[in-house]
């Protein structure tokens, strides 16, 4: 990453730094004031040595010593003030960036999340933003202040003695060149390490979430080998970073020491020939010693600047991802007399970046209060079609409408109030039963939650849990059975009394005994709502008023279950395959 790219990346922090710029400037001013106090001490020492000590007059000495003490106290006070000023703003910048990233992730389309590993997103939200906070609170301020301090210190050296100034400058220039060289190499390694951290986080997350599968199949060692390989790669990258820094720090330590030795040499000759005073030489060496930290830190701070530039770039890679599912400029309201009629009119769909259409002109009208089952072979587009109703994706041709209004013309909040969805895999969160169900309609009362649980045939088992509605069900609800998770997902879908209910194959992952429980719940859930149900099992199909059969992205047959069974050989073949699968599950 070159210097212009680094600066460009860091400049992208400006929207977050602007609200706290007063405190940032105050903190930088406090650091600079402390550095000036430190640089002033050698000047007072020069006055002591060339004044009272040389003249053997101790009269002014107490005042000069008090001046040194006052400058030291001022330096300490300014450092304390810097920390007080910067602690709040730096954590506020981190919190705001993290909140904006999280909000953006919620707005991004499903297609984005399908492409990105969760570990990569997690590393950007956590470790990268920690790097940003550290830069704002420390390294960024000191990069600026230490650079100014070096300029002031070099100026002071030339004021004290041009010879000592030239000696210090000759030793400092190679250090600047070495720092610039290693800065670019370090930036490449930093980006590689941060990406590898994201990959490692993904592996850890998948291992934790899939621990039951790994244990059941005895594949823990297999994933352990992958984790170990990724950890070795990360370790190798970190060691390369250490080697680069080792060379840099060797130069950082040797060159200033060589500068002090040269100052001592030239200063001694100056004292002997009378061109310099003892006070000047001591002050020069003291200034050079004081400049050790600003000089030593430049290379490291430049490396930190590259590190934060990489972190900011990774952050904005996600933040710059376009939000394609948005509210229209002028949303239309749903009719007050809406009854939940759904119409697919010439619907076509292709995934972003693909020319192959998953749906190729789907026409289907779902009447109010009707349940329509979607059946078809794997890959026929059933789940894709249902995801278009709540706008998890947008059509690339044709339209989907609810009560005569194109879903793209509705505000997302309005659309998702009248359309609820339950997925094939019931996703639950590490929270209470109440919180999980209420996600379907924030602000609902306990009574409404209980009504939803009753409809989903879940109230009895919830009441048997240790703390009822307040029982925390664990990450992904894995402490519950498959049927219990599915019924809670159904309760969440109906708690807001939606007019349209979309169910993506709610029985597919269940055994035949649990299927009967959830099927009984489904009969209650489907009563009185317009429902579109993706079905693979005959038992699910029989819950529907009509069946629409998809094949190759088109609807090839529509009718009742009995009609299609009698008239359509492809439908009979499809259901016989489903029956075979079911028999295998039950055996």
Protein backbone atom coordinates (compact mmCIF):
# COMPACT_ATOMS: atom_id res chain seq x y z
CA UNK A 1 0.00 0.00 0.00
CA UNK A 2 1.68 3.23 -1.14
CA UNK A 3 1.67 6.48 0.82
CA UNK A 4 -1.18 8.04 -1.19
CA UNK A 5 -3.34 4.95 -0.75
CA UNK A 6 -2.61 4.88 2.97
CA UNK A 7 -3.56 8.53 3.37
CA UNK A 8 -6.66 8.03 1.24
CA UNK A 9 -7.79 5.11 3.39
CA UNK A 10 -7.20 7.03 6.64
CA UNK A 11 -9.07 10.05 5.27
CA UNK A 12 -12.17 7.86 5.04
CA UNK A 13 -12.28 8.00 8.83
CA UNK A 14 -13.13 11.71 8.65
CA UNK A 15 -16.95 11.31 9.00
CA UNK A 16 -16.36 9.60 12.34
CA UNK A 17 -13.54 11.87 13.49
CA UNK A 18 -15.34 15.12 12.65
CA UNK A 19 -17.79 15.02 15.60
CA UNK A 20 -14.91 14.53 18.08
CA UNK A 21 -12.31 16.68 16.33
CA UNK A 22 -12.24 19.22 19.20
CA UNK A 23 -11.08 16.62 21.69
CA UNK A 24 -8.69 15.06 19.17
CA UNK A 25 -7.07 18.44 18.55
CA UNK A 26 -6.99 19.10 22.31
CA UNK A 27 -5.32 15.75 22.91
CA UNK A 28 -2.74 16.40 20.18
CA UNK A 29 -2.12 19.88 21.61
CA UNK A 30 -1.59 18.39 25.07
CA UNK A 31 0.96 15.91 23.73
CA UNK A 32 2.75 18.64 21.78
CA UNK A 33 2.81 20.85 24.87
CA UNK A 34 4.33 18.00 26.89
CA UNK A 35 6.98 17.50 24.19
CA UNK A 36 7.80 21.22 24.21
CA UNK A 37 8.19 21.05 28.00
CA UNK A 38 10.57 18.14 27.54
CA UNK A 39 12.60 19.97 24.89
CA UNK A 40 12.80 23.07 27.08
CA UNK A 41 14.50 21.17 29.93
CA UNK A 42 17.87 20.80 28.06
CA UNK A 43 17.85 24.57 27.39
CA UNK A 44 17.48 25.23 31.13
CA UNK A 45 20.25 22.69 31.82
CA UNK A 46 22.47 24.61 29.40
CA UNK A 47 21.71 27.80 31.33
CA UNK A 48 22.63 26.07 34.61
CA UNK A 49 25.95 24.73 33.32
CA UNK A 50 26.98 27.84 31.40
CA UNK A 51 25.62 30.18 34.09
CA UNK A 52 25.77 29.36 37.83
CA UNK A 53 28.08 26.35 37.41
CA UNK A 54 30.60 28.11 35.12
CA UNK A 55 30.46 31.33 37.18
CA UNK A 56 30.42 29.43 40.49
CA UNK A 57 27.42 31.57 41.47
CA UNK A 58 24.61 29.55 43.06
CA UNK A 59 22.24 32.49 43.43
CA UNK A 60 20.11 31.84 40.31
CA UNK A 61 20.44 28.05 40.71
CA UNK A 62 17.28 27.39 42.83
CA UNK A 63 15.10 29.20 40.29
CA UNK A 64 16.57 27.30 37.38
CA UNK A 65 16.12 23.99 39.23
CA UNK A 66 12.51 24.95 40.00
CA UNK A 67 12.06 25.69 36.29
CA UNK A 68 13.26 22.15 35.43
CA UNK A 69 10.86 20.70 38.04
CA UNK A 70 7.99 22.83 36.72
CA UNK A 71 8.67 21.74 33.13
CA UNK A 72 8.77 18.08 34.24
CA UNK A 73 5.49 18.47 36.12
CA UNK A 74 3.96 20.23 33.12
CA UNK A 75 5.07 17.38 30.86
CA UNK A 76 3.44 14.81 33.15
CA UNK A 77 0.26 16.87 33.48
CA UNK A 78 -0.09 17.21 29.71
CA UNK A 79 0.26 13.44 29.25
CA UNK A 80 -2.46 12.90 31.87
CA UNK A 81 -4.68 15.44 30.12
CA UNK A 82 -4.14 13.69 26.78
CA UNK A 83 -5.45 10.41 28.14
CA UNK A 84 -8.47 12.08 29.72
CA UNK A 85 -9.28 13.89 26.49
CA UNK A 86 -8.86 10.96 24.09
CA UNK A 87 -10.34 7.97 25.95
CA UNK A 88 -13.99 8.86 25.28
CA UNK A 89 -13.67 9.98 21.63
CA UNK A 90 -11.62 6.96 20.53
CA UNK A 91 -14.08 4.46 21.99
CA UNK A 92 -16.97 6.51 20.56
CA UNK A 93 -15.45 6.34 17.06
CA UNK A 94 -15.08 2.56 17.41
CA UNK A 95 -18.65 2.14 18.71
CA UNK A 96 -20.18 4.26 15.94
CA UNK A 97 -18.25 2.47 13.21
CA UNK A 98 -19.27 -0.90 14.62
CA UNK A 99 -22.92 0.15 14.91
CA UNK A 100 -22.94 1.46 11.32
CA UNK A 101 -21.32 -1.73 10.06
CA UNK A 102 -23.88 -3.88 11.85
CA UNK A 103 -26.77 -1.78 10.54
CA UNK A 104 -25.35 -1.99 7.01
CA UNK A 105 -25.01 -5.77 7.28
CA UNK A 106 -28.71 -5.93 8.18
CA UNK A 107 -29.63 -3.94 5.07
CA UNK A 108 -27.45 -5.85 2.63
CA UNK A 109 -29.22 -8.42 0.44
CA UNK A 110 -29.09 -12.14 1.08
CA UNK A 111 -26.88 -12.53 -2.01
CA UNK A 112 -24.11 -10.57 -0.23
CA UNK A 113 -24.20 -12.83 2.83
CA UNK A 114 -24.15 -15.89 0.59
CA UNK A 115 -20.80 -14.71 -0.82
CA UNK A 116 -19.05 -13.58 2.38
CA UNK A 117 -17.72 -15.80 5.15
CA UNK A 118 -19.09 -14.85 8.56
CA UNK A 119 -15.58 -15.01 10.07
CA UNK A 120 -14.37 -12.34 7.65
CA UNK A 121 -17.26 -10.09 8.65
CA UNK A 122 -16.60 -10.78 12.33
CA UNK A 123 -12.90 -9.89 12.04
CA UNK A 124 -13.81 -6.58 10.39
CA UNK A 125 -16.32 -5.75 13.11
CA UNK A 126 -13.97 -6.67 15.96
CA UNK A 127 -10.20 -6.79 15.42
CA UNK A 128 -10.08 -4.23 12.58
CA UNK A 129 -12.09 -1.68 14.55
CA UNK A 130 -9.92 -2.28 17.62
CA UNK A 131 -6.97 -1.33 15.39
CA UNK A 132 -8.81 1.85 14.37
CA UNK A 133 -9.50 2.77 18.01
CA UNK A 134 -5.84 2.29 18.92
CA UNK A 135 -4.81 4.51 16.01
CA UNK A 136 -7.23 7.27 16.98
CA UNK A 137 -6.28 7.11 20.65
CA UNK A 138 -2.54 6.72 20.32
CA UNK A 139 -0.57 6.02 17.16
CA UNK A 140 -2.29 8.57 14.91
CA UNK A 141 -1.78 11.43 17.38
CA UNK A 142 1.82 10.48 18.11
CA UNK A 143 2.63 10.09 14.40
CA UNK A 144 1.72 13.75 13.93
CA UNK A 145 3.11 15.06 17.22
CA UNK A 146 6.37 13.08 17.06
CA UNK A 147 6.98 14.33 13.53
CA UNK A 148 6.49 17.92 14.73
CA UNK A 149 8.69 17.21 17.76
CA UNK A 150 11.48 15.93 15.51
CA UNK A 151 11.31 19.11 13.44
CA UNK A 152 11.32 21.29 16.57
CA UNK A 153 14.11 19.23 18.13
CA UNK A 154 16.25 19.45 14.99
CA UNK A 155 15.65 23.19 14.90
CA UNK A 156 16.70 23.47 18.53
CA UNK A 157 19.85 21.43 17.80
CA UNK A 158 20.84 23.86 15.04
CA UNK A 159 20.16 26.81 17.38
CA UNK A 160 22.37 25.24 20.08
CA UNK A 161 25.12 24.29 17.62
CA UNK A 162 25.04 23.97 13.79
CA UNK A 163 27.71 21.26 14.03
CA UNK A 164 25.65 19.15 16.43
CA UNK A 165 22.58 19.78 14.27
CA UNK A 166 24.32 18.48 11.13
CA UNK A 167 25.60 15.39 12.97
CA UNK A 168 22.09 14.58 14.22
CA UNK A 169 20.55 15.16 10.77
CA UNK A 170 23.10 12.89 9.04
CA UNK A 171 22.20 10.06 11.39
CA UNK A 172 18.44 10.69 11.13
CA UNK A 173 18.14 10.66 7.29
CA UNK A 174 19.08 6.96 6.86
CA UNK A 175 16.53 6.10 9.52
CA UNK A 176 13.78 7.85 7.55
CA UNK A 177 14.74 5.96 4.39
CA UNK A 178 14.81 2.58 6.17
CA UNK A 179 11.43 3.29 7.78
CA UNK A 180 9.87 4.13 4.40
CA UNK A 181 11.26 0.93 2.85
CA UNK A 182 10.01 -1.37 5.58
CA UNK A 183 6.70 0.46 5.86
CA UNK A 184 5.59 -0.75 2.39
CA UNK A 185 6.70 -4.34 3.07
CA UNK A 186 4.96 -4.35 6.42
CA UNK A 187 1.69 -3.14 4.84
CA UNK A 188 1.51 -6.19 2.53
CA UNK A 189 2.11 -8.56 5.43
CA UNK A 190 -0.44 -6.75 7.60
CA UNK A 191 -3.20 -7.17 5.00
CA UNK A 192 -2.33 -10.84 4.60
CA UNK A 193 -2.42 -11.40 8.37
CA UNK A 194 -5.77 -9.65 8.79
CA UNK A 195 -7.34 -11.74 6.01
CA UNK A 196 -5.91 -14.91 7.57
CA UNK A 197 -7.41 -13.93 10.94
CA UNK A 198 -10.79 -13.72 9.20
CA UNK A 199 -10.36 -17.20 7.68
CA UNK A 200 -9.34 -18.60 11.06
CA UNK A 201 -12.37 -17.00 12.74
CA UNK A 202 -14.63 -18.61 10.12
CA UNK A 203 -13.18 -22.05 10.83
CA UNK A 204 -13.61 -21.61 14.59
CA UNK A 205 -17.19 -20.39 14.19
CA UNK A 206 -18.14 -23.26 11.86
CA UNK A 207 -16.53 -25.77 14.21
CA UNK A 208 -18.44 -24.45 17.22
CA UNK A 209 -21.78 -24.25 15.43
CA UNK A 210 -21.29 -27.67 13.84
CA UNK A 211 -19.86 -29.39 16.90
CA UNK A 212 -22.65 -31.99 16.95
CA UNK A 213 -21.97 -32.97 13.34
CA UNK A 214 -18.22 -33.14 13.93
CA UNK A 215 -18.68 -35.33 16.98
CA UNK A 216 -21.29 -37.53 15.33
CA UNK A 217 -19.10 -38.25 12.30
CA UNK A 218 -15.80 -38.21 14.15
CA UNK A 219 -14.50 -35.42 11.92
CA UNK A 220 -13.11 -33.19 14.63
CA UNK A 221 -9.55 -34.19 13.76
CA UNK A 222 -10.16 -33.36 10.09
CA UNK A 223 -11.30 -29.83 10.86
CA UNK A 224 -8.57 -29.62 13.48
CA UNK A 225 -5.99 -30.19 10.73
CA UNK A 226 -7.52 -27.38 8.68
CA UNK A 227 -7.47 -25.10 11.71
CA UNK A 228 -3.83 -26.03 12.44
CA UNK A 229 -2.83 -25.34 8.82
CA UNK A 230 -4.52 -21.93 8.89
CA UNK A 231 -2.94 -21.17 12.26
CA UNK A 232 0.50 -22.10 10.86
CA UNK A 233 -0.03 -19.79 7.89
CA UNK A 234 -1.02 -16.95 10.22
CA UNK A 235 1.98 -17.67 12.46
CA UNK A 236 4.31 -17.63 9.44
CA UNK A 237 2.93 -14.26 8.36
CA UNK A 238 3.25 -12.85 11.87
CA UNK A 239 6.86 -14.09 12.03
CA UNK A 240 7.60 -12.33 8.73
CA UNK A 241 6.19 -9.17 10.28
CA UNK A 242 8.43 -9.69 13.32
CA UNK A 243 11.51 -10.12 11.09
CA UNK A 244 10.75 -6.89 9.25
CA UNK A 245 10.25 -5.06 12.54
CA UNK A 246 13.43 -6.61 13.99
CA UNK A 247 15.53 -5.10 11.18
CA UNK A 248 13.71 -1.79 11.54
CA UNK A 249 14.19 -1.68 15.31
CA UNK A 250 17.87 -2.59 14.95
CA UNK A 251 18.33 0.44 12.71
CA UNK A 252 16.17 2.55 15.03
CA UNK A 253 18.37 1.68 18.01
CA UNK A 254 21.82 1.83 16.32
CA UNK A 255 21.54 5.04 14.34
CA UNK A 256 20.45 7.36 17.20
CA UNK A 257 23.16 5.84 19.44
CA UNK A 258 25.69 6.48 16.68
CA UNK A 259 24.38 10.07 16.48
CA UNK A 260 24.88 10.59 20.23
CA UNK A 261 28.40 9.13 20.01
CA UNK A 262 29.21 11.48 17.10
CA UNK A 263 27.80 14.44 19.04
CA UNK A 264 29.97 13.52 22.00
CA UNK A 265 33.04 13.27 19.75
CA UNK A 266 32.51 16.59 17.96
CA UNK A 267 31.34 18.26 21.17
CA UNK A 268 34.48 17.22 23.05
CA UNK A 269 36.69 18.68 20.29
CA UNK A 270 34.51 21.81 20.39
CA UNK A 271 35.02 22.24 24.13
CA UNK A 272 38.77 21.71 23.77
CA UNK A 273 39.14 24.30 20.99
CA UNK A 274 36.69 26.70 22.65
CA UNK A 275 34.02 26.69 19.90
CA UNK A 276 31.43 25.07 22.22
CA UNK A 277 30.60 25.32 25.88
CA UNK A 278 30.04 22.37 28.20
CA UNK A 279 26.41 23.48 28.58
CA UNK A 280 25.89 23.41 24.81
CA UNK A 281 27.29 19.88 24.45
CA UNK A 282 25.30 18.54 27.41
CA UNK A 283 22.13 20.27 26.15
CA UNK A 284 22.70 18.87 22.64
CA UNK A 285 23.17 15.31 23.92
CA UNK A 286 20.13 15.72 26.22
CA UNK A 287 17.99 16.91 23.28
CA UNK A 288 19.25 13.99 21.17
CA UNK A 289 18.39 11.59 23.99
CA UNK A 290 14.95 13.18 24.33
CA UNK A 291 14.40 12.75 20.57
CA UNK A 292 15.09 9.02 20.87
CA UNK A 293 11.42 8.14 21.42
CA UNK A 294 10.08 10.35 18.60
CA UNK A 295 12.85 9.02 16.32
CA UNK A 296 12.50 5.38 17.38
CA UNK A 297 8.72 5.47 17.03
CA UNK A 298 8.51 6.91 13.50
CA UNK A 299 9.05 3.60 11.72
CA UNK A 300 6.69 1.75 14.04
CA UNK A 301 4.06 4.49 13.79
CA UNK A 302 4.27 4.42 10.00
CA UNK A 303 3.75 0.65 10.15
CA UNK A 304 0.75 1.25 12.41
CA UNK A 305 -0.58 3.79 9.90
CA UNK A 306 -0.37 1.12 7.22
CA UNK A 307 -2.05 -1.36 9.53
CA UNK A 308 -4.96 0.97 10.22
CA UNK A 309 -5.20 1.86 6.53
CA UNK A 310 -5.60 -1.86 5.79
CA UNK A 311 -8.20 -2.16 8.56
CA UNK A 312 -10.13 0.85 7.25
CA UNK A 313 -9.97 -0.52 3.69
CA UNK A 314 -11.33 -3.88 4.88
CA UNK A 315 -14.08 -2.06 6.80
CA UNK A 316 -15.18 -0.04 3.78
CA UNK A 317 -15.10 -3.12 1.55
CA UNK A 318 -18.22 -4.14 3.44
CA UNK A 319 -19.66 -0.66 3.96
CA UNK A 320 -19.32 0.12 0.23
CA UNK A 321 -21.28 -2.99 -0.77
CA UNK A 322 -24.47 -1.67 -2.39
CA UNK A 323 -27.81 -2.07 -0.64
CA UNK A 324 -29.99 -3.24 -3.52
CA UNK A 325 -33.20 -3.88 -1.58
CA UNK A 326 -34.37 -0.41 -0.51
CA UNK A 327 -37.53 1.54 0.15
CA UNK A 328 -38.95 3.29 -2.94
CA UNK A 329 -38.61 7.07 -3.15
CA UNK A 330 -42.38 7.46 -2.77
CA UNK A 331 -43.80 4.32 -1.12
CA UNK A 332 -47.39 3.38 -1.87
CA UNK A 333 -49.68 2.37 0.99
CA UNK A 334 -51.41 -0.99 1.00
CA UNK A 335 -55.17 -0.83 0.52
CA UNK A 336 -56.97 -0.54 3.86
CA UNK A 337 -59.27 -3.33 2.73
CA UNK A 338 -56.33 -5.59 1.75
CA UNK A 339 -56.99 -9.29 2.10
CA UNK A 340 -53.61 -10.75 1.21
CA UNK A 341 -54.00 -11.61 -2.47
CA UNK A 342 -50.62 -12.45 -4.04
CA UNK A 343 -49.88 -12.32 -7.78
CA UNK A 344 -46.78 -13.50 -9.65
CA UNK A 345 -46.92 -11.86 -13.07
CA UNK A 346 -44.31 -12.96 -15.62
CA UNK A 347 -41.71 -13.28 -12.87
CA UNK A 348 -38.13 -13.78 -13.99
CA UNK A 349 -35.06 -13.98 -11.78
CA UNK A 350 -31.30 -14.42 -12.21
CA UNK A 351 -28.73 -14.24 -9.44
CA UNK A 352 -26.43 -11.17 -9.48
CA UNK A 353 -23.59 -11.63 -11.96
CA UNK A 354 -25.25 -14.61 -13.64
CA UNK A 355 -26.94 -14.78 -17.03
CA UNK A 356 -28.73 -18.04 -16.21
CA UNK A 357 -32.30 -17.41 -15.10
CA UNK A 358 -33.62 -19.43 -12.16
CA UNK A 359 -37.19 -18.31 -12.91
CA UNK A 360 -38.30 -17.91 -16.52
CA UNK A 361 -41.72 -16.29 -16.57
CA UNK A 362 -43.77 -17.50 -13.59
CA UNK A 363 -47.50 -16.65 -13.58
CA UNK A 364 -49.51 -17.58 -10.50
CA UNK A 365 -52.38 -15.99 -8.61
CA UNK A 366 -52.86 -16.90 -4.93
CA UNK A 367 -56.34 -16.00 -3.74
CA UNK A 368 -57.02 -14.44 -0.31
CA UNK A 369 -57.10 -17.07 2.43
CA UNK A 370 -55.89 -19.78 0.06
CA UNK A 371 -52.97 -22.11 0.70
CA UNK A 372 -50.89 -22.93 -2.38
CA UNK A 373 -48.18 -25.58 -2.24
CA UNK A 374 -45.15 -25.23 -4.52
CA UNK A 375 -43.65 -28.53 -5.59
CA UNK A 376 -40.95 -29.44 -8.04
CA UNK A 377 -37.58 -31.12 -8.42
CA UNK A 378 -34.51 -29.73 -6.70
CA UNK A 379 -33.33 -26.55 -8.41
CA UNK A 380 -36.68 -25.73 -9.99
CA UNK A 381 -36.83 -22.33 -8.23
CA UNK A 382 -39.33 -22.92 -5.40
CA UNK A 383 -37.38 -21.25 -2.59
CA UNK A 384 -36.28 -18.45 -4.90
CA UNK A 385 -39.90 -17.73 -5.81
CA UNK A 386 -41.03 -17.55 -2.18
CA UNK A 387 -38.13 -15.22 -1.27
CA UNK A 388 -39.42 -12.66 -3.79
CA UNK A 389 -42.62 -12.03 -1.81
CA UNK A 390 -40.98 -10.40 1.26
CA UNK A 391 -38.25 -8.98 -1.04
CA UNK A 392 -35.33 -11.05 0.19
CA UNK A 393 -34.42 -10.57 -3.48
CA UNK A 394 -35.98 -8.55 -6.29
CA UNK A 395 -37.31 -9.85 -9.57
CA UNK A 396 -35.21 -9.21 -12.68
CA UNK A 397 -38.34 -9.30 -14.82
CA UNK A 398 -42.10 -9.19 -14.27
CA UNK A 399 -43.55 -8.32 -10.88
CA UNK A 400 -44.82 -9.68 -7.57
CA UNK A 401 -47.79 -7.86 -6.04
CA UNK A 402 -49.71 -8.02 -2.78
CA UNK A 403 -53.29 -6.78 -2.92
CA UNK A 404 -52.58 -5.26 -6.32
CA UNK A 405 -49.50 -3.27 -5.26
CA UNK A 406 -46.05 -4.20 -6.60
CA UNK A 407 -43.94 -5.20 -3.59
CA UNK A 408 -41.15 -2.92 -4.87
CA UNK A 409 -43.49 0.06 -4.44
CA UNK A 410 -44.09 -0.68 -0.76
CA UNK A 411 -42.00 0.44 2.19
CA UNK A 412 -40.08 -2.60 3.45
CA UNK A 413 -41.53 -2.16 6.95
CA UNK A 414 -45.08 -2.17 5.57
CA UNK A 415 -44.43 -5.17 3.33
CA UNK A 416 -42.86 -7.23 6.10
CA UNK A 417 -45.74 -6.41 8.41
CA UNK A 418 -48.25 -8.09 6.10
CA UNK A 419 -45.87 -10.84 4.88
CA UNK A 420 -44.21 -13.23 7.34
CA UNK A 421 -41.83 -16.07 6.54
CA UNK A 422 -40.63 -19.26 8.19
CA UNK A 423 -37.63 -21.05 6.76
CA UNK A 424 -36.74 -24.66 6.15
CA UNK A 425 -34.17 -24.52 8.95
CA UNK A 426 -35.77 -22.85 12.00
CA UNK A 427 -33.27 -20.19 13.09
CA UNK A 428 -33.52 -19.33 16.77
CA UNK A 429 -31.31 -17.04 18.84
CA UNK A 430 -29.61 -17.36 22.21
CA UNK A 431 -32.41 -15.57 24.02
CA UNK A 432 -35.63 -16.32 25.88
CA UNK A 433 -38.63 -17.96 24.26
CA UNK A 434 -40.47 -14.65 24.56
CA UNK A 435 -37.72 -12.73 22.75
CA UNK A 436 -37.47 -15.31 19.97
CA UNK A 437 -41.20 -15.27 19.25
CA UNK A 438 -41.50 -11.49 19.61
CA UNK A 439 -38.87 -10.99 16.88
CA UNK A 440 -41.76 -11.49 14.46
CA UNK A 441 -43.51 -8.33 15.75
CA UNK A 442 -41.54 -6.18 18.21
CA UNK A 443 -43.61 -4.69 21.00
CA UNK A 444 -46.20 -7.48 21.25
CA UNK A 445 -47.59 -8.34 24.66
CA UNK A 446 -47.12 -11.61 26.52
CA UNK A 447 -50.71 -12.48 25.72
CA UNK A 448 -50.08 -12.05 21.99
CA UNK A 449 -46.98 -14.24 22.32
CA UNK A 450 -49.09 -16.88 24.04
CA UNK A 451 -51.75 -16.71 21.33
CA UNK A 452 -49.07 -17.28 18.70
CA UNK A 453 -47.64 -20.20 20.69
CA UNK A 454 -51.15 -21.64 20.99
CA UNK A 455 -51.72 -21.39 17.25
CA UNK A 456 -48.37 -23.08 16.61
CA UNK A 457 -49.21 -25.85 19.14
CA UNK A 458 -46.18 -24.79 21.20
CA UNK A 459 -47.73 -23.42 24.39
CA UNK A 460 -47.77 -26.72 26.27
CA UNK A 461 -44.10 -27.56 25.82
CA UNK A 462 -43.08 -23.93 26.53
CA UNK A 463 -44.97 -24.04 29.83
CA UNK A 464 -43.06 -27.20 30.74
CA UNK A 465 -39.71 -25.46 30.27
CA UNK A 466 -37.97 -24.47 33.54
CA UNK A 467 -38.86 -20.77 33.35
CA UNK A 468 -41.63 -20.78 30.75
CA UNK A 469 -41.47 -17.78 28.44
CA UNK A 470 -38.31 -16.59 30.19
CA UNK A 471 -36.37 -19.79 29.49
CA UNK A 472 -33.24 -19.11 27.46
CA UNK A 473 -33.10 -21.72 24.74
CA UNK A 474 -29.38 -21.60 23.92
CA UNK A 475 -27.51 -20.79 20.75
CA UNK A 476 -29.58 -21.66 17.64
CA UNK A 477 -32.10 -23.36 19.94
CA UNK A 478 -30.16 -26.62 19.82
CA UNK A 479 -31.29 -27.47 23.35
CA UNK A 480 -34.76 -28.08 21.86
CA UNK A 481 -35.98 -30.85 19.60
CA UNK A 482 -36.43 -30.26 15.88
CA UNK A 483 -40.21 -30.15 16.22
CA UNK A 484 -40.06 -27.68 19.11
CA UNK A 485 -37.74 -25.37 17.16
CA UNK A 486 -40.00 -25.53 14.11
CA UNK A 487 -43.11 -24.72 16.15
CA UNK A 488 -41.40 -21.72 17.77
CA UNK A 489 -40.42 -20.53 14.28
CA UNK A 490 -44.07 -20.86 13.22
CA UNK A 491 -45.19 -18.91 16.31
CA UNK A 492 -42.74 -16.15 15.41
CA UNK A 493 -44.17 -16.04 11.89
CA UNK A 494 -47.79 -15.63 13.04
CA UNK A 495 -47.36 -13.45 16.15
CA UNK A 496 -47.86 -10.28 14.12
CA UNK A 497 -51.06 -11.63 12.49
CA UNK A 498 -49.73 -11.35 8.89
CA UNK A 499 -52.08 -11.48 5.94
CA UNK A 500 -49.58 -13.52 3.88
CA UNK A 501 -47.55 -16.40 5.23
CA UNK A 502 -44.60 -17.87 3.31
CA UNK A 503 -43.29 -21.23 4.52
CA UNK A 504 -40.15 -22.67 2.94
CA UNK A 505 -40.53 -26.42 3.38
CA UNK A 506 -41.25 -26.42 7.13
CA UNK A 507 -41.36 -30.22 7.45
CA UNK A 508 -38.35 -31.31 5.43
CA UNK A 509 -35.89 -31.73 8.30
CA UNK A 510 -38.26 -33.58 10.63
CA UNK A 511 -38.71 -37.25 11.39
CA UNK A 512 -42.13 -38.77 10.78
CA UNK A 513 -43.20 -38.54 14.44
CA UNK A 514 -42.20 -34.88 14.82
CA UNK A 515 -43.73 -34.18 11.41
CA UNK A 516 -47.14 -35.14 12.74
CA UNK A 517 -46.80 -32.64 15.61
CA UNK A 518 -45.75 -29.78 13.32
CA UNK A 519 -48.33 -30.70 10.69
CA UNK A 520 -51.02 -30.38 13.36
CA UNK A 521 -49.60 -26.95 14.22
CA UNK A 522 -49.55 -25.98 10.53
CA UNK A 523 -53.28 -26.63 10.16
CA UNK A 524 -53.91 -24.01 12.86
CA UNK A 525 -51.33 -21.59 11.42
CA UNK A 526 -52.71 -21.72 7.88
CA UNK A 527 -56.30 -21.08 8.88
CA UNK A 528 -57.45 -17.66 7.67
CA UNK A 529 -54.22 -16.48 5.99
CA UNK A 530 -52.97 -16.50 2.43
CA UNK A 531 -50.16 -19.02 2.42
CA UNK A 532 -47.48 -20.16 -0.01
CA UNK A 533 -45.79 -23.36 1.14
CA UNK A 534 -42.76 -25.01 -0.41
CA UNK A 535 -43.45 -28.73 -0.10
CA UNK A 536 -41.46 -31.88 -0.64
CA UNK A 537 -43.58 -34.29 1.36
CA UNK A 538 -47.07 -35.50 0.38
CA UNK A 539 -48.29 -34.70 3.90
CA UNK A 540 -47.41 -31.05 3.39
CA UNK A 541 -49.04 -30.97 -0.05
CA UNK A 542 -52.30 -32.26 1.40
CA UNK A 543 -52.52 -29.16 3.62
CA UNK A 544 -52.89 -26.97 0.52
CA UNK A 545 -56.02 -25.91 -1.38
CA UNK A 546 -54.09 -25.95 -4.66
CA UNK A 547 -50.72 -27.17 -5.86
CA UNK A 548 -48.42 -25.41 -8.36
CA UNK A 549 -45.70 -27.55 -9.93
CA UNK A 550 -42.46 -25.90 -11.05
CA UNK A 551 -39.90 -27.32 -13.41
CA UNK A 552 -37.03 -25.51 -15.08
CA UNK A 553 -38.05 -22.15 -13.62
CA UNK A 554 -41.62 -22.30 -14.95
CA UNK A 555 -44.98 -23.43 -13.57
CA UNK A 556 -45.94 -26.46 -15.61
CA UNK A 557 -49.12 -27.51 -13.82
CA UNK A 558 -51.66 -26.08 -11.35
CA UNK A 559 -54.52 -27.89 -9.66
CA UNK A 560 -55.67 -29.67 -6.57
CA UNK A 561 -53.58 -32.51 -5.19
CA UNK A 562 -56.10 -35.12 -6.31
CA UNK A 563 -56.42 -33.61 -9.82
CA UNK A 564 -52.68 -33.55 -10.42
CA UNK A 565 -52.27 -37.01 -8.93
CA UNK A 566 -54.84 -38.35 -11.36
CA UNK A 567 -53.84 -36.38 -14.48
CA UNK A 568 -50.12 -35.56 -14.30
CA UNK A 569 -47.59 -38.42 -14.49
CA UNK A 570 -44.68 -36.10 -13.64
CA UNK A 571 -46.48 -35.05 -10.46
CA UNK A 572 -47.12 -38.68 -9.52
CA UNK A 573 -43.46 -39.53 -10.13
CA UNK A 574 -42.33 -36.55 -8.02
CA UNK A 575 -44.54 -37.54 -5.08
CA UNK A 576 -43.58 -41.20 -5.30
CA UNK A 577 -39.93 -40.12 -4.95
CA UNK A 578 -40.92 -38.06 -1.91
CA UNK A 579 -42.75 -41.06 -0.45
CA UNK A 580 -39.64 -43.21 -0.92
CA UNK A 581 -37.52 -40.60 0.86
CA UNK A 582 -40.03 -40.44 3.69
CA UNK A 583 -40.05 -44.20 4.07
CA UNK A 584 -36.27 -44.19 4.33
CA UNK A 585 -36.42 -41.52 7.04
CA UNK A 586 -38.98 -43.52 9.00
CA UNK A 587 -37.16 -46.85 8.66
